[in-house]
Amino acid sequence: MKVKYFSDTDTAHIEFTDSEVQETKEISENIYIDIDEKGNLVSMTIEHAKMNAMLSEFSLQEITSKSA
């Protein structure tokens, strides 16, 4: 996964796979998703990201299962 933030436009772009984009769908006025030919999520774009996604702070936490 790749997360890019463009401060000049306050836009966040989250890329989940490198599959070819077949279609872009508008989820809301400021959120768009790109899907591949099978309908799988490729990426997401968030306009006005600081307000809409609270990107003033970003963190990633990986949760692993504990074996008994």
C-alpha atoms as a PDB file:
ATOM      1  CA  MET A   1       0.000   0.000   0.000  1.00  0.00           C
ATOM      2  CA  LYS A   2       1.207   3.489  -0.842  1.00  0.00           C
ATOM      3  CA  VAL A   3      -0.136   6.683   0.713  1.00  0.00           C
ATOM      4  CA  LYS A   4       0.645  10.000  -0.942  1.00  0.00           C
ATOM      5  CA  TYR A   5      -0.354  13.415   0.359  1.00  0.00           C
ATOM      6  CA  PHE A   6      -0.270  16.460  -1.902  1.00  0.00           C
ATOM      7  CA  SER A   7      -0.135  19.489   0.391  1.00  0.00           C
ATOM      8  CA  ASP A   8      -0.626  22.010  -2.420  1.00  0.00           C
ATOM      9  CA  THR A   9      -4.107  20.596  -3.140  1.00  0.00           C
ATOM     10  CA  ASP A  10      -4.800  18.962   0.269  1.00  0.00           C
ATOM     11  CA  THR A  11      -5.387  15.660  -1.508  1.00  0.00           C
ATOM     12  CA  ALA A  12      -4.602  12.161  -0.232  1.00  0.00           C
ATOM     13  CA  HIS A  13      -4.164   9.238  -2.602  1.00  0.00           C
ATOM     14  CA  ILE A  14      -4.084   5.701  -1.209  1.00  0.00           C
ATOM     15  CA  GLU A  15      -2.969   2.987  -3.613  1.00  0.00           C
ATOM     16  CA  PHE A  16      -3.859  -0.550  -2.574  1.00  0.00           C
ATOM     17  CA  THR A  17      -2.704  -2.444  -5.678  1.00  0.00           C
ATOM     18  CA  ASP A  18      -0.979  -1.669  -8.940  1.00  0.00           C
ATOM     19  CA  SER A  19      -3.829  -3.140 -11.008  1.00  0.00           C
ATOM     20  CA  GLU A  20      -5.055  -1.204 -14.026  1.00  0.00           C
ATOM     21  CA  VAL A  21      -7.971   1.110 -13.236  1.00  0.00           C
ATOM     22  CA  GLN A  22     -11.122   0.220 -15.152  1.00  0.00           C
ATOM     23  CA  GLU A  23     -13.483   2.769 -13.585  1.00  0.00           C
ATOM     24  CA  THR A  24     -13.516   5.643 -11.100  1.00  0.00           C
ATOM     25  CA  LYS A  25     -16.584   5.995  -8.879  1.00  0.00           C
ATOM     26  CA  GLU A  26     -17.577   9.055  -6.893  1.00  0.00           C
ATOM     27  CA  ILE A  27     -18.446   7.970  -3.366  1.00  0.00           C
ATOM     28  CA  SER A  28     -19.154  11.501  -2.148  1.00  0.00           C
ATOM     29  CA  GLU A  29     -18.303  15.031  -3.211  1.00  0.00           C
ATOM     30  CA  ASN A  30     -14.700  14.611  -2.019  1.00  0.00           C
ATOM     31  CA  ILE A  31     -14.048  10.865  -2.139  1.00  0.00           C
ATOM     32  CA  TYR A  32     -13.373   8.769  -5.231  1.00  0.00           C
ATOM     33  CA  ILE A  33     -12.439   5.118  -5.641  1.00  0.00           C
ATOM     34  CA  ASP A  34     -10.758   3.393  -8.554  1.00  0.00           C
ATOM     35  CA  ILE A  35     -11.696  -0.206  -9.324  1.00  0.00           C
ATOM     36  CA  ASP A  36     -10.223  -2.809 -11.645  1.00  0.00           C
ATOM     37  CA  GLU A  37     -12.061  -4.883 -14.251  1.00  0.00           C
ATOM     38  CA  LYS A  38     -13.120  -7.411 -11.565  1.00  0.00           C
ATOM     39  CA  GLY A  39     -14.580  -4.702  -9.309  1.00  0.00           C
ATOM     40  CA  ASN A  40     -11.710  -4.809  -6.799  1.00  0.00           C
ATOM     41  CA  LEU A  41     -10.505  -1.652  -5.096  1.00  0.00           C
ATOM     42  CA  VAL A  42      -7.319  -0.260  -6.646  1.00  0.00           C
ATOM     43  CA  SER A  43      -7.046   3.174  -5.009  1.00  0.00           C
ATOM     44  CA  MET A  44      -8.896   5.946  -3.207  1.00  0.00           C
ATOM     45  CA  THR A  45      -8.582   9.713  -3.555  1.00  0.00           C
ATOM     46  CA  ILE A  46      -9.689  12.054  -0.771  1.00  0.00           C
ATOM     47  CA  GLU A  47     -10.027  15.760  -1.551  1.00  0.00           C
ATOM     48  CA  HIS A  48      -9.748  18.261   1.350  1.00  0.00           C
ATOM     49  CA  ALA A  49      -8.009  15.431   3.188  1.00  0.00           C
ATOM     50  CA  LYS A  50      -7.087  17.279   6.372  1.00  0.00           C
ATOM     51  CA  MET A  51     -10.755  17.943   7.085  1.00  0.00           C
ATOM     52  CA  ASN A  52     -12.351  14.838   5.545  1.00  0.00           C
ATOM     53  CA  ALA A  53      -9.821  12.247   6.683  1.00  0.00           C
ATOM     54  CA  MET A  54      -8.237  14.024   9.650  1.00  0.00           C
ATOM     55  CA  LEU A  55      -4.784  13.708   8.105  1.00  0.00           C
ATOM     56  CA  SER A  56      -3.101  16.036  10.548  1.00  0.00           C
ATOM     57  CA  GLU A  57      -1.753  12.813  12.038  1.00  0.00           C
ATOM     58  CA  PHE A  58      -1.192   9.543  10.198  1.00  0.00           C
ATOM     59  CA  SER A  59      -0.252   6.213  11.714  1.00  0.00           C
ATOM     60  CA  LEU A  60      -0.219   2.583  10.652  1.00  0.00           C
ATOM     61  CA  GLN A  61      -0.709  -0.229  13.113  1.00  0.00           C
ATOM     62  CA  GLU A  62      -0.311  -3.864  12.121  1.00  0.00           C
ATOM     63  CA  ILE A  63      -2.313  -6.285  14.255  1.00  0.00           C
ATOM     64  CA  THR A  64      -1.106  -9.888  14.290  1.00  0.00           C
ATOM     65  CA  SER A  65      -2.935 -12.823  15.755  1.00  0.00           C
ATOM     66  CA  LYS A  66      -1.436 -14.509  18.785  1.00  0.00           C
ATOM     67  CA  SER A  67      -0.965 -18.258  18.581  1.00  0.00           C
ATOM     68  CA  ALA A  68      -1.975 -20.312  21.596  1.00  0.00           C
END
